[in-house]
C-alpha cells in the first residue's frame, strides 16, 4: 500500500490552461507541493490565488520536482517545454515526466527516447474528461510505459483521476488509445451539432430536443455535454475548435499512413476546419453548430458568430 511518506511531494504542472489548472488544483487538494508554469500572466495570477506556486519559467517550476506533468497542446510544445525550456535539466534525477498532450504514438516514442537519453523517465499519459472533471480530480487518464515508472507516478496520477489505466509497458500505446477516443469524440461532436441545427431548421424547441434525445437511443455523452452549450448559446472554450482540427488531423495522418479508410473522421475534420476558417477556431468546439446555422440561415441561441 502506498503510504503518505512514500508520496512524491514535489510536483510541477507545465501548462495551466483549461485542463492543467484543474489538475494542478486537484494536486494541491491532495496535499502535494505544486509548482506551476504558464506563459499568460493572468493565468499565473489565478493559479497563485488557488494556492499554486506559479510562474512563467518552466525550468524554475520543474527544479527538483519528482514528477513533472506537461499539459500543453501538442507534441511540438511538449518537446519545446522539455528540451528547449530546460525542464529535463531541472527535474530531480530519476524523476518522471508525465506527458498529457494528445499526440501520435510515434511522437510519444520519440519524446520518451529523448528523455531517456537525459536519464529521465517518461510516461505516456493522455487525459480525457474535460475541464469540469479536471477541476474535480475526476479525469480518465490513459498511461503506457514501464511498470516501474507508472508506479512512481501513480500517486500523482491518482490525485488527478477518477479512472486510471496502465495499458502496457510500451510507450505510444496510450497515445494510440487516445487517438481512437478523439476520432469518436470529434465525430460525435460534429453529429450532435448537425442534429441540433437540423432540429432548429424543423422549428423544434432546442431545449426540448436536447432533453428528449439525451434520454433516447440517439444520444451520446458529447450530445448531452456539447448540446447543452448550443441550447444555452454558450461558446466559451472548454475545448476549442482548433483542438479537434489538430486531433482529427492526427487521426487522418495515421489512417493514411496505415492505408486505413476513415471517412467519418475526415468529414468531421473538414467541419472543424470550416468552423475555424469562419472565425471560430478559439471558441468552444460546439461552434460547429454555428457553422451549420450560418450555412442554413438559422438563428441559434446566443446569435451567430462573426469572424
C-alpha atoms as a PDB file:
ATOM      1  CA  UNK A   1       0.000   0.000   0.000  1.00  0.00           C
ATOM      2  CA  UNK A   2       1.228   3.491  -0.833  1.00  0.00           C
ATOM      3  CA  UNK A   3       1.878   5.435   2.373  1.00  0.00           C
ATOM      4  CA  UNK A   4       1.913   9.205   2.793  1.00  0.00           C
ATOM      5  CA  UNK A   5       5.651   9.055   3.413  1.00  0.00           C
ATOM      6  CA  UNK A   6       6.205   7.491   0.008  1.00  0.00           C
ATOM      7  CA  UNK A   7       4.133  10.042  -1.916  1.00  0.00           C
ATOM      8  CA  UNK A   8       6.377  12.290  -4.025  1.00  0.00           C
ATOM      9  CA  UNK A   9       5.635  15.724  -2.618  1.00  0.00           C
ATOM     10  CA  UNK A  10       7.332  17.984  -5.182  1.00  0.00           C
ATOM     11  CA  UNK A  11       5.278  18.158  -8.353  1.00  0.00           C
ATOM     12  CA  UNK A  12       5.204  20.610 -11.258  1.00  0.00           C
ATOM     13  CA  UNK A  13       2.423  21.197 -13.770  1.00  0.00           C
ATOM     14  CA  UNK A  14       3.533  22.864 -17.000  1.00  0.00           C
ATOM     15  CA  UNK A  15       0.571  24.400 -18.812  1.00  0.00           C
ATOM     16  CA  UNK A  16      -2.206  25.821 -16.635  1.00  0.00           C
ATOM     17  CA  UNK A  17      -4.897  26.061 -19.283  1.00  0.00           C
ATOM     18  CA  UNK A  18      -8.418  24.730 -19.039  1.00  0.00           C
ATOM     19  CA  UNK A  19      -7.207  21.227 -18.136  1.00  0.00           C
ATOM     20  CA  UNK A  20      -3.870  21.865 -16.448  1.00  0.00           C
ATOM     21  CA  UNK A  21      -5.254  24.401 -13.991  1.00  0.00           C
ATOM     22  CA  UNK A  22      -7.818  21.935 -12.652  1.00  0.00           C
ATOM     23  CA  UNK A  23      -5.225  19.173 -12.492  1.00  0.00           C
ATOM     24  CA  UNK A  24      -2.835  21.366 -10.511  1.00  0.00           C
ATOM     25  CA  UNK A  25      -5.633  22.402  -8.147  1.00  0.00           C
ATOM     26  CA  UNK A  26      -6.509  18.732  -7.603  1.00  0.00           C
ATOM     27  CA  UNK A  27      -2.910  18.008  -6.654  1.00  0.00           C
ATOM     28  CA  UNK A  28      -2.927  20.888  -4.158  1.00  0.00           C
ATOM     29  CA  UNK A  29      -6.084  19.470  -2.535  1.00  0.00           C
ATOM     30  CA  UNK A  30      -4.369  16.079  -2.311  1.00  0.00           C
ATOM     31  CA  UNK A  31      -1.502  17.603  -0.320  1.00  0.00           C
ATOM     32  CA  UNK A  32       1.184  17.900  -2.958  1.00  0.00           C
ATOM     33  CA  UNK A  33       3.513  20.875  -3.052  1.00  0.00           C
ATOM     34  CA  UNK A  34       2.721  22.103  -6.547  1.00  0.00           C
ATOM     35  CA  UNK A  35       4.628  24.497  -8.737  1.00  0.00           C
ATOM     36  CA  UNK A  36       3.027  25.566 -11.969  1.00  0.00           C
ATOM     37  CA  UNK A  37       4.025  27.298 -15.167  1.00  0.00           C
ATOM     38  CA  UNK A  38       2.084  29.185 -17.788  1.00  0.00           C
ATOM     39  CA  UNK A  39       3.111  31.958 -20.171  1.00  0.00           C
ATOM     40  CA  UNK A  40      -0.046  34.001 -19.521  1.00  0.00           C
ATOM     41  CA  UNK A  41       0.275  36.409 -16.565  1.00  0.00           C
ATOM     42  CA  UNK A  42      -3.466  36.365 -15.819  1.00  0.00           C
ATOM     43  CA  UNK A  43      -3.443  32.565 -15.570  1.00  0.00           C
ATOM     44  CA  UNK A  44      -0.393  32.704 -13.304  1.00  0.00           C
ATOM     45  CA  UNK A  45      -2.202  35.169 -11.030  1.00  0.00           C
ATOM     46  CA  UNK A  46      -5.266  32.925 -10.852  1.00  0.00           C
ATOM     47  CA  UNK A  47      -3.089  29.905 -10.081  1.00  0.00           C
ATOM     48  CA  UNK A  48      -1.374  31.707  -7.226  1.00  0.00           C
ATOM     49  CA  UNK A  49      -4.765  32.633  -5.801  1.00  0.00           C
ATOM     50  CA  UNK A  50      -5.607  28.907  -5.858  1.00  0.00           C
ATOM     51  CA  UNK A  51      -2.508  28.004  -3.831  1.00  0.00           C
ATOM     52  CA  UNK A  52      -0.280  27.007  -6.720  1.00  0.00           C
ATOM     53  CA  UNK A  53       3.265  28.382  -6.687  1.00  0.00           C
ATOM     54  CA  UNK A  54       3.103  29.537 -10.296  1.00  0.00           C
ATOM     55  CA  UNK A  55       5.330  31.471 -12.654  1.00  0.00           C
ATOM     56  CA  UNK A  56       6.262  31.768 -16.310  1.00  0.00           C
ATOM     57  CA  UNK A  57       9.560  29.823 -16.260  1.00  0.00           C
ATOM     58  CA  UNK A  58       9.182  26.089 -16.892  1.00  0.00           C
ATOM     59  CA  UNK A  59      12.660  25.219 -15.600  1.00  0.00           C
ATOM     60  CA  UNK A  60      12.018  27.035 -12.332  1.00  0.00           C
ATOM     61  CA  UNK A  61       8.740  25.175 -11.880  1.00  0.00           C
ATOM     62  CA  UNK A  62      10.429  21.821 -12.572  1.00  0.00           C
ATOM     63  CA  UNK A  63      13.511  22.377 -10.418  1.00  0.00           C
ATOM     64  CA  UNK A  64      13.903  19.466  -8.001  1.00  0.00           C
ATOM     65  CA  UNK A  65      10.452  18.037  -8.759  1.00  0.00           C
ATOM     66  CA  UNK A  66       9.878  14.292  -8.501  1.00  0.00           C
ATOM     67  CA  UNK A  67       7.168  14.453 -11.142  1.00  0.00           C
ATOM     68  CA  UNK A  68       6.528  16.981 -13.903  1.00  0.00           C
ATOM     69  CA  UNK A  69       3.131  16.892 -15.589  1.00  0.00           C
ATOM     70  CA  UNK A  70       3.083  18.558 -19.001  1.00  0.00           C
ATOM     71  CA  UNK A  71      -0.374  19.686 -20.150  1.00  0.00           C
ATOM     72  CA  UNK A  72       0.333  21.570 -23.368  1.00  0.00           C
ATOM     73  CA  UNK A  73      -1.284  21.483 -26.790  1.00  0.00           C
ATOM     74  CA  UNK A  74       0.743  19.009 -28.825  1.00  0.00           C
ATOM     75  CA  UNK A  75       3.976  17.081 -29.312  1.00  0.00           C
ATOM     76  CA  UNK A  76       5.868  20.124 -30.599  1.00  0.00           C
ATOM     77  CA  UNK A  77       5.032  22.157 -27.492  1.00  0.00           C
ATOM     78  CA  UNK A  78       5.896  19.195 -25.264  1.00  0.00           C
ATOM     79  CA  UNK A  79       9.285  18.922 -26.985  1.00  0.00           C
ATOM     80  CA  UNK A  80       9.938  22.646 -26.538  1.00  0.00           C
ATOM     81  CA  UNK A  81       8.984  22.651 -22.869  1.00  0.00           C
ATOM     82  CA  UNK A  82      11.034  19.595 -22.017  1.00  0.00           C
ATOM     83  CA  UNK A  83      14.193  20.160 -24.022  1.00  0.00           C
ATOM     84  CA  UNK A  84      14.368  23.832 -25.022  1.00  0.00           C
ATOM     85  CA  UNK A  85      12.876  25.385 -21.894  1.00  0.00           C
ATOM     86  CA  UNK A  86      15.008  23.372 -19.502  1.00  0.00           C
ATOM     87  CA  UNK A  87      12.557  21.025 -17.794  1.00  0.00           C
ATOM     88  CA  UNK A  88      14.600  17.869 -18.375  1.00  0.00           C
ATOM     89  CA  UNK A  89      17.678  19.550 -16.928  1.00  0.00           C
ATOM     90  CA  UNK A  90      15.792  20.823 -13.885  1.00  0.00           C
ATOM     91  CA  UNK A  91      13.760  17.815 -12.796  1.00  0.00           C
ATOM     92  CA  UNK A  92      15.063  15.688  -9.940  1.00  0.00           C
ATOM     93  CA  UNK A  93      17.369  12.823 -11.031  1.00  0.00           C
ATOM     94  CA  UNK A  94      15.259   9.738 -11.749  1.00  0.00           C
ATOM     95  CA  UNK A  95      12.206  11.991 -11.895  1.00  0.00           C
ATOM     96  CA  UNK A  96       9.236  11.246 -14.107  1.00  0.00           C
ATOM     97  CA  UNK A  97       7.787  13.263 -16.967  1.00  0.00           C
ATOM     98  CA  UNK A  98       4.024  12.664 -17.243  1.00  0.00           C
ATOM     99  CA  UNK A  99       3.120  13.762 -20.774  1.00  0.00           C
ATOM    100  CA  UNK A 100      -0.594  14.510 -21.216  1.00  0.00           C
ATOM    101  CA  UNK A 101      -0.798  16.115 -24.663  1.00  0.00           C
ATOM    102  CA  UNK A 102      -2.654  14.247 -27.389  1.00  0.00           C
ATOM    103  CA  UNK A 103      -0.086  13.152 -29.969  1.00  0.00           C
ATOM    104  CA  UNK A 104       0.756  10.328 -32.333  1.00  0.00           C
ATOM    105  CA  UNK A 105       2.300   7.140 -30.913  1.00  0.00           C
ATOM    106  CA  UNK A 106       5.443   7.893 -32.926  1.00  0.00           C
ATOM    107  CA  UNK A 107       5.857  11.293 -31.299  1.00  0.00           C
ATOM    108  CA  UNK A 108       5.353   9.776 -27.847  1.00  0.00           C
ATOM    109  CA  UNK A 109       8.115   7.226 -28.521  1.00  0.00           C
ATOM    110  CA  UNK A 110      10.449   9.939 -29.841  1.00  0.00           C
ATOM    111  CA  UNK A 111       9.985  12.147 -26.789  1.00  0.00           C
ATOM    112  CA  UNK A 112      10.453   9.206 -24.426  1.00  0.00           C
ATOM    113  CA  UNK A 113      13.738   8.313 -26.156  1.00  0.00           C
ATOM    114  CA  UNK A 114      14.987  11.891 -25.848  1.00  0.00           C
ATOM    115  CA  UNK A 115      14.092  11.945 -22.153  1.00  0.00           C
ATOM    116  CA  UNK A 116      15.792   8.594 -21.560  1.00  0.00           C
ATOM    117  CA  UNK A 117      18.986   9.945 -23.126  1.00  0.00           C
ATOM    118  CA  UNK A 118      18.995  12.539 -20.331  1.00  0.00           C
ATOM    119  CA  UNK A 119      18.306   9.946 -17.638  1.00  0.00           C
ATOM    120  CA  UNK A 120      14.676  10.956 -17.148  1.00  0.00           C
ATOM    121  CA  UNK A 121      11.717   8.580 -17.131  1.00  0.00           C
ATOM    122  CA  UNK A 122       8.751   9.382 -19.373  1.00  0.00           C
ATOM    123  CA  UNK A 123       5.171   8.221 -19.065  1.00  0.00           C
ATOM    124  CA  UNK A 124       2.780   8.434 -21.998  1.00  0.00           C
ATOM    125  CA  UNK A 125      -0.363   9.738 -20.225  1.00  0.00           C
ATOM    126  CA  UNK A 126      -3.076  11.412 -22.330  1.00  0.00           C
ATOM    127  CA  UNK A 127      -6.179  12.555 -20.490  1.00  0.00           C
ATOM    128  CA  UNK A 128      -9.917  12.659 -21.117  1.00  0.00           C
ATOM    129  CA  UNK A 129     -12.878  14.173 -19.314  1.00  0.00           C
ATOM    130  CA  UNK A 130     -12.987  17.922 -19.883  1.00  0.00           C
ATOM    131  CA  UNK A 131     -12.474  20.934 -17.681  1.00  0.00           C
ATOM    132  CA  UNK A 132     -15.102  20.110 -15.050  1.00  0.00           C
ATOM    133  CA  UNK A 133     -13.659  16.675 -14.356  1.00  0.00           C
ATOM    134  CA  UNK A 134     -10.134  18.110 -14.360  1.00  0.00           C
ATOM    135  CA  UNK A 135     -11.180  20.552 -11.626  1.00  0.00           C
ATOM    136  CA  UNK A 136     -12.794  17.718  -9.670  1.00  0.00           C
ATOM    137  CA  UNK A 137      -9.759  15.428  -9.925  1.00  0.00           C
ATOM    138  CA  UNK A 138     -12.016  13.014 -11.815  1.00  0.00           C
ATOM    139  CA  UNK A 139     -10.295  12.630 -15.179  1.00  0.00           C
ATOM    140  CA  UNK A 140      -9.757   9.424 -17.083  1.00  0.00           C
ATOM    141  CA  UNK A 141      -6.010   9.032 -17.526  1.00  0.00           C
ATOM    142  CA  UNK A 142      -4.604   6.567 -20.063  1.00  0.00           C
ATOM    143  CA  UNK A 143      -0.987   5.600 -19.440  1.00  0.00           C
ATOM    144  CA  UNK A 144       1.652   3.415 -21.005  1.00  0.00           C
ATOM    145  CA  UNK A 145       5.297   2.935 -20.153  1.00  0.00           C
ATOM    146  CA  UNK A 146       7.418   0.714 -17.912  1.00  0.00           C
ATOM    147  CA  UNK A 147       5.531  -0.571 -14.881  1.00  0.00           C
ATOM    148  CA  UNK A 148       8.153   0.819 -12.501  1.00  0.00           C
ATOM    149  CA  UNK A 149       7.727   4.302 -13.982  1.00  0.00           C
ATOM    150  CA  UNK A 150       3.951   4.033 -13.695  1.00  0.00           C
ATOM    151  CA  UNK A 151       4.340   3.021 -10.041  1.00  0.00           C
ATOM    152  CA  UNK A 152       6.485   6.082  -9.312  1.00  0.00           C
ATOM    153  CA  UNK A 153       3.959   8.418 -10.912  1.00  0.00           C
ATOM    154  CA  UNK A 154       0.842   6.685  -9.612  1.00  0.00           C
ATOM    155  CA  UNK A 155       0.225   8.897  -6.532  1.00  0.00           C
ATOM    156  CA  UNK A 156       0.209  11.989  -8.749  1.00  0.00           C
ATOM    157  CA  UNK A 157      -1.971  10.297 -11.360  1.00  0.00           C
ATOM    158  CA  UNK A 158      -4.423   9.050  -8.728  1.00  0.00           C
ATOM    159  CA  UNK A 159      -4.854  12.554  -7.316  1.00  0.00           C
ATOM    160  CA  UNK A 160      -5.938  13.849 -10.736  1.00  0.00           C
ATOM    161  CA  UNK A 161      -8.119  10.965 -11.880  1.00  0.00           C
ATOM    162  CA  UNK A 162     -11.248   9.004 -11.181  1.00  0.00           C
ATOM    163  CA  UNK A 163     -10.308   6.289 -13.683  1.00  0.00           C
ATOM    164  CA  UNK A 164      -6.678   5.361 -14.230  1.00  0.00           C
ATOM    165  CA  UNK A 165      -5.449   2.848 -16.798  1.00  0.00           C
ATOM    166  CA  UNK A 166      -1.998   1.370 -17.317  1.00  0.00           C
ATOM    167  CA  UNK A 167      -2.311  -0.001 -20.844  1.00  0.00           C
ATOM    168  CA  UNK A 168       1.071  -1.648 -21.230  1.00  0.00           C
ATOM    169  CA  UNK A 169       4.793  -1.157 -20.963  1.00  0.00           C
ATOM    170  CA  UNK A 170       5.308   0.227 -24.466  1.00  0.00           C
ATOM    171  CA  UNK A 171       5.339   3.989 -24.859  1.00  0.00           C
ATOM    172  CA  UNK A 172       2.818   5.026 -27.521  1.00  0.00           C
ATOM    173  CA  UNK A 173       0.091   2.557 -26.601  1.00  0.00           C
ATOM    174  CA  UNK A 174      -1.793   5.131 -24.515  1.00  0.00           C
ATOM    175  CA  UNK A 175      -1.343   7.705 -27.278  1.00  0.00           C
ATOM    176  CA  UNK A 176      -2.968   5.278 -29.718  1.00  0.00           C
ATOM    177  CA  UNK A 177      -5.905   4.678 -27.368  1.00  0.00           C
ATOM    178  CA  UNK A 178      -6.394   8.449 -27.046  1.00  0.00           C
ATOM    179  CA  UNK A 179      -6.407   8.884 -30.810  1.00  0.00           C
ATOM    180  CA  UNK A 180      -9.195   6.304 -31.097  1.00  0.00           C
ATOM    181  CA  UNK A 181     -11.081   8.250 -28.427  1.00  0.00           C
ATOM    182  CA  UNK A 182     -10.582  11.510 -30.291  1.00  0.00           C
ATOM    183  CA  UNK A 183     -11.859  10.013 -33.528  1.00  0.00           C
ATOM    184  CA  UNK A 184     -15.104   9.154 -31.746  1.00  0.00           C
ATOM    185  CA  UNK A 185     -15.267  12.417 -29.805  1.00  0.00           C
ATOM    186  CA  UNK A 186     -14.809  14.549 -32.910  1.00  0.00           C
ATOM    187  CA  UNK A 187     -17.373  12.611 -34.930  1.00  0.00           C
ATOM    188  CA  UNK A 188     -19.878  12.694 -32.053  1.00  0.00           C
ATOM    189  CA  UNK A 189     -19.495  16.469 -31.587  1.00  0.00           C
ATOM    190  CA  UNK A 190     -19.958  17.087 -35.305  1.00  0.00           C
ATOM    191  CA  UNK A 191     -23.009  14.797 -35.403  1.00  0.00           C
ATOM    192  CA  UNK A 192     -24.543  16.444 -32.328  1.00  0.00           C
ATOM    193  CA  UNK A 193     -24.091  19.897 -33.848  1.00  0.00           C
ATOM    194  CA  UNK A 194     -25.607  18.790 -37.164  1.00  0.00           C
ATOM    195  CA  UNK A 195     -28.577  17.231 -35.374  1.00  0.00           C
ATOM    196  CA  UNK A 196     -29.305  20.326 -33.301  1.00  0.00           C
ATOM    197  CA  UNK A 197     -29.020  22.659 -36.290  1.00  0.00           C
ATOM    198  CA  UNK A 198     -31.326  20.307 -38.210  1.00  0.00           C
ATOM    199  CA  UNK A 199     -33.789  20.422 -35.308  1.00  0.00           C
ATOM    200  CA  UNK A 200     -33.700  24.217 -35.454  1.00  0.00           C
ATOM    201  CA  UNK A 201     -34.460  24.067 -39.194  1.00  0.00           C
ATOM    202  CA  UNK A 202     -37.508  21.964 -38.300  1.00  0.00           C
ATOM    203  CA  UNK A 203     -38.604  24.723 -35.867  1.00  0.00           C
ATOM    204  CA  UNK A 204     -38.257  22.482 -32.842  1.00  0.00           C
ATOM    205  CA  UNK A 205     -37.602  23.729 -29.324  1.00  0.00           C
ATOM    206  CA  UNK A 206     -33.877  23.038 -28.881  1.00  0.00           C
ATOM    207  CA  UNK A 207     -34.065  22.677 -25.109  1.00  0.00           C
ATOM    208  CA  UNK A 208     -36.773  20.031 -25.501  1.00  0.00           C
ATOM    209  CA  UNK A 209     -34.803  18.306 -28.299  1.00  0.00           C
ATOM    210  CA  UNK A 210     -31.787  18.171 -26.003  1.00  0.00           C
ATOM    211  CA  UNK A 211     -33.876  16.758 -23.159  1.00  0.00           C
ATOM    212  CA  UNK A 212     -35.644  14.130 -25.256  1.00  0.00           C
ATOM    213  CA  UNK A 213     -32.666  12.924 -27.308  1.00  0.00           C
ATOM    214  CA  UNK A 214     -30.444  12.808 -24.216  1.00  0.00           C
ATOM    215  CA  UNK A 215     -32.798  10.101 -22.941  1.00  0.00           C
ATOM    216  CA  UNK A 216     -33.149   8.301 -26.256  1.00  0.00           C
ATOM    217  CA  UNK A 217     -31.099   5.826 -28.263  1.00  0.00           C
ATOM    218  CA  UNK A 218     -29.550   8.504 -30.464  1.00  0.00           C
ATOM    219  CA  UNK A 219     -27.795  10.190 -27.560  1.00  0.00           C
ATOM    220  CA  UNK A 220     -24.077  10.294 -26.759  1.00  0.00           C
ATOM    221  CA  UNK A 221     -22.038  11.874 -23.987  1.00  0.00           C
ATOM    222  CA  UNK A 222     -20.978  14.543 -26.458  1.00  0.00           C
ATOM    223  CA  UNK A 223     -24.596  15.236 -27.449  1.00  0.00           C
ATOM    224  CA  UNK A 224     -25.515  15.701 -23.803  1.00  0.00           C
ATOM    225  CA  UNK A 225     -22.473  17.813 -22.967  1.00  0.00           C
ATOM    226  CA  UNK A 226     -21.951  19.917 -26.091  1.00  0.00           C
ATOM    227  CA  UNK A 227     -25.657  20.046 -26.837  1.00  0.00           C
ATOM    228  CA  UNK A 228     -26.123  21.966 -23.608  1.00  0.00           C
ATOM    229  CA  UNK A 229     -23.643  24.573 -24.865  1.00  0.00           C
ATOM    230  CA  UNK A 230     -25.712  25.045 -28.034  1.00  0.00           C
ATOM    231  CA  UNK A 231     -29.012  25.263 -26.140  1.00  0.00           C
ATOM    232  CA  UNK A 232     -27.524  27.845 -23.769  1.00  0.00           C
ATOM    233  CA  UNK A 233     -25.773  29.769 -26.548  1.00  0.00           C
ATOM    234  CA  UNK A 234     -22.561  29.462 -24.525  1.00  0.00           C
ATOM    235  CA  UNK A 235     -19.451  29.061 -26.660  1.00  0.00           C
ATOM    236  CA  UNK A 236     -16.803  29.910 -24.070  1.00  0.00           C
ATOM    237  CA  UNK A 237     -13.985  27.499 -24.939  1.00  0.00           C
ATOM    238  CA  UNK A 238     -13.942  24.498 -22.635  1.00  0.00           C
ATOM    239  CA  UNK A 239     -12.360  22.684 -25.578  1.00  0.00           C
ATOM    240  CA  UNK A 240     -11.682  24.815 -28.626  1.00  0.00           C
ATOM    241  CA  UNK A 241     -12.451  24.037 -32.254  1.00  0.00           C
ATOM    242  CA  UNK A 242      -8.719  24.104 -33.014  1.00  0.00           C
ATOM    243  CA  UNK A 243      -8.154  21.162 -30.675  1.00  0.00           C
ATOM    244  CA  UNK A 244     -10.168  18.914 -32.971  1.00  0.00           C
ATOM    245  CA  UNK A 245      -8.537  20.381 -36.057  1.00  0.00           C
ATOM    246  CA  UNK A 246      -5.312  19.102 -34.507  1.00  0.00           C
ATOM    247  CA  UNK A 247      -6.557  15.797 -33.128  1.00  0.00           C
ATOM    248  CA  UNK A 248      -8.586  14.698 -36.141  1.00  0.00           C
ATOM    249  CA  UNK A 249      -5.633  15.757 -38.281  1.00  0.00           C
ATOM    250  CA  UNK A 250      -3.525  13.246 -36.335  1.00  0.00           C
ATOM    251  CA  UNK A 251      -6.215  10.602 -36.871  1.00  0.00           C
ATOM    252  CA  UNK A 252      -6.180  11.223 -40.616  1.00  0.00           C
ATOM    253  CA  UNK A 253      -2.364  11.247 -40.794  1.00  0.00           C
ATOM    254  CA  UNK A 254      -2.190   7.876 -39.050  1.00  0.00           C
ATOM    255  CA  UNK A 255      -5.042   6.420 -41.110  1.00  0.00           C
ATOM    256  CA  UNK A 256      -3.345   7.494 -44.348  1.00  0.00           C
ATOM    257  CA  UNK A 257      -0.012   6.005 -43.243  1.00  0.00           C
ATOM    258  CA  UNK A 258      -1.753   2.755 -42.293  1.00  0.00           C
ATOM    259  CA  UNK A 259      -3.785   2.709 -45.527  1.00  0.00           C
ATOM    260  CA  UNK A 260      -6.933   2.666 -43.405  1.00  0.00           C
ATOM    261  CA  UNK A 261     -10.093   4.430 -44.645  1.00  0.00           C
ATOM    262  CA  UNK A 262     -11.539   6.885 -42.103  1.00  0.00           C
ATOM    263  CA  UNK A 263     -14.237   8.803 -43.976  1.00  0.00           C
ATOM    264  CA  UNK A 264     -16.270   9.802 -40.914  1.00  0.00           C
ATOM    265  CA  UNK A 265     -13.208  11.247 -39.195  1.00  0.00           C
ATOM    266  CA  UNK A 266     -12.288  13.024 -42.437  1.00  0.00           C
ATOM    267  CA  UNK A 267     -15.719  14.607 -42.752  1.00  0.00           C
ATOM    268  CA  UNK A 268     -15.665  15.735 -39.127  1.00  0.00           C
ATOM    269  CA  UNK A 269     -12.199  17.222 -39.644  1.00  0.00           C
ATOM    270  CA  UNK A 270     -13.481  19.274 -42.573  1.00  0.00           C
ATOM    271  CA  UNK A 271     -16.354  20.591 -40.438  1.00  0.00           C
ATOM    272  CA  UNK A 272     -13.950  21.702 -37.716  1.00  0.00           C
ATOM    273  CA  UNK A 273     -11.648  23.251 -40.324  1.00  0.00           C
ATOM    274  CA  UNK A 274     -14.561  25.177 -41.852  1.00  0.00           C
ATOM    275  CA  UNK A 275     -15.656  26.345 -38.407  1.00  0.00           C
ATOM    276  CA  UNK A 276     -12.144  27.570 -37.641  1.00  0.00           C
ATOM    277  CA  UNK A 277     -11.925  29.280 -41.030  1.00  0.00           C
ATOM    278  CA  UNK A 278     -15.206  31.051 -40.260  1.00  0.00           C
ATOM    279  CA  UNK A 279     -13.531  32.768 -37.307  1.00  0.00           C
ATOM    280  CA  UNK A 280     -14.477  30.393 -34.501  1.00  0.00           C
ATOM    281  CA  UNK A 281     -11.247  28.442 -34.038  1.00  0.00           C
ATOM    282  CA  UNK A 282     -10.731  29.613 -30.461  1.00  0.00           C
ATOM    283  CA  UNK A 283     -14.376  29.141 -29.481  1.00  0.00           C
ATOM    284  CA  UNK A 284     -15.948  26.054 -27.973  1.00  0.00           C
ATOM    285  CA  UNK A 285     -15.981  23.059 -30.303  1.00  0.00           C
ATOM    286  CA  UNK A 286     -19.796  23.093 -30.218  1.00  0.00           C
ATOM    287  CA  UNK A 287     -19.409  26.073 -32.557  1.00  0.00           C
ATOM    288  CA  UNK A 288     -19.752  23.575 -35.400  1.00  0.00           C
ATOM    289  CA  UNK A 289     -23.478  24.121 -34.806  1.00  0.00           C
ATOM    290  CA  UNK A 290     -22.974  27.820 -35.562  1.00  0.00           C
ATOM    291  CA  UNK A 291     -21.285  26.874 -38.831  1.00  0.00           C
ATOM    292  CA  UNK A 292     -24.408  24.934 -39.815  1.00  0.00           C
ATOM    293  CA  UNK A 293     -26.532  27.892 -38.733  1.00  0.00           C
ATOM    294  CA  UNK A 294     -24.541  30.252 -40.974  1.00  0.00           C
ATOM    295  CA  UNK A 295     -24.902  27.939 -43.953  1.00  0.00           C
ATOM    296  CA  UNK A 296     -28.639  27.381 -43.434  1.00  0.00           C
ATOM    297  CA  UNK A 297     -29.530  30.931 -42.408  1.00  0.00           C
ATOM    298  CA  UNK A 298     -30.628  29.909 -38.907  1.00  0.00           C
ATOM    299  CA  UNK A 299     -30.525  31.820 -35.631  1.00  0.00           C
ATOM    300  CA  UNK A 300     -29.317  29.718 -32.718  1.00  0.00           C
ATOM    301  CA  UNK A 301     -29.374  30.768 -29.057  1.00  0.00           C
ATOM    302  CA  UNK A 302     -26.608  33.278 -28.476  1.00  0.00           C
ATOM    303  CA  UNK A 303     -26.722  34.511 -32.069  1.00  0.00           C
ATOM    304  CA  UNK A 304     -24.380  33.653 -34.922  1.00  0.00           C
ATOM    305  CA  UNK A 305     -20.630  34.105 -34.742  1.00  0.00           C
ATOM    306  CA  UNK A 306     -18.859  36.839 -36.604  1.00  0.00           C
ATOM    307  CA  UNK A 307     -15.297  36.317 -37.957  1.00  0.00           C
END
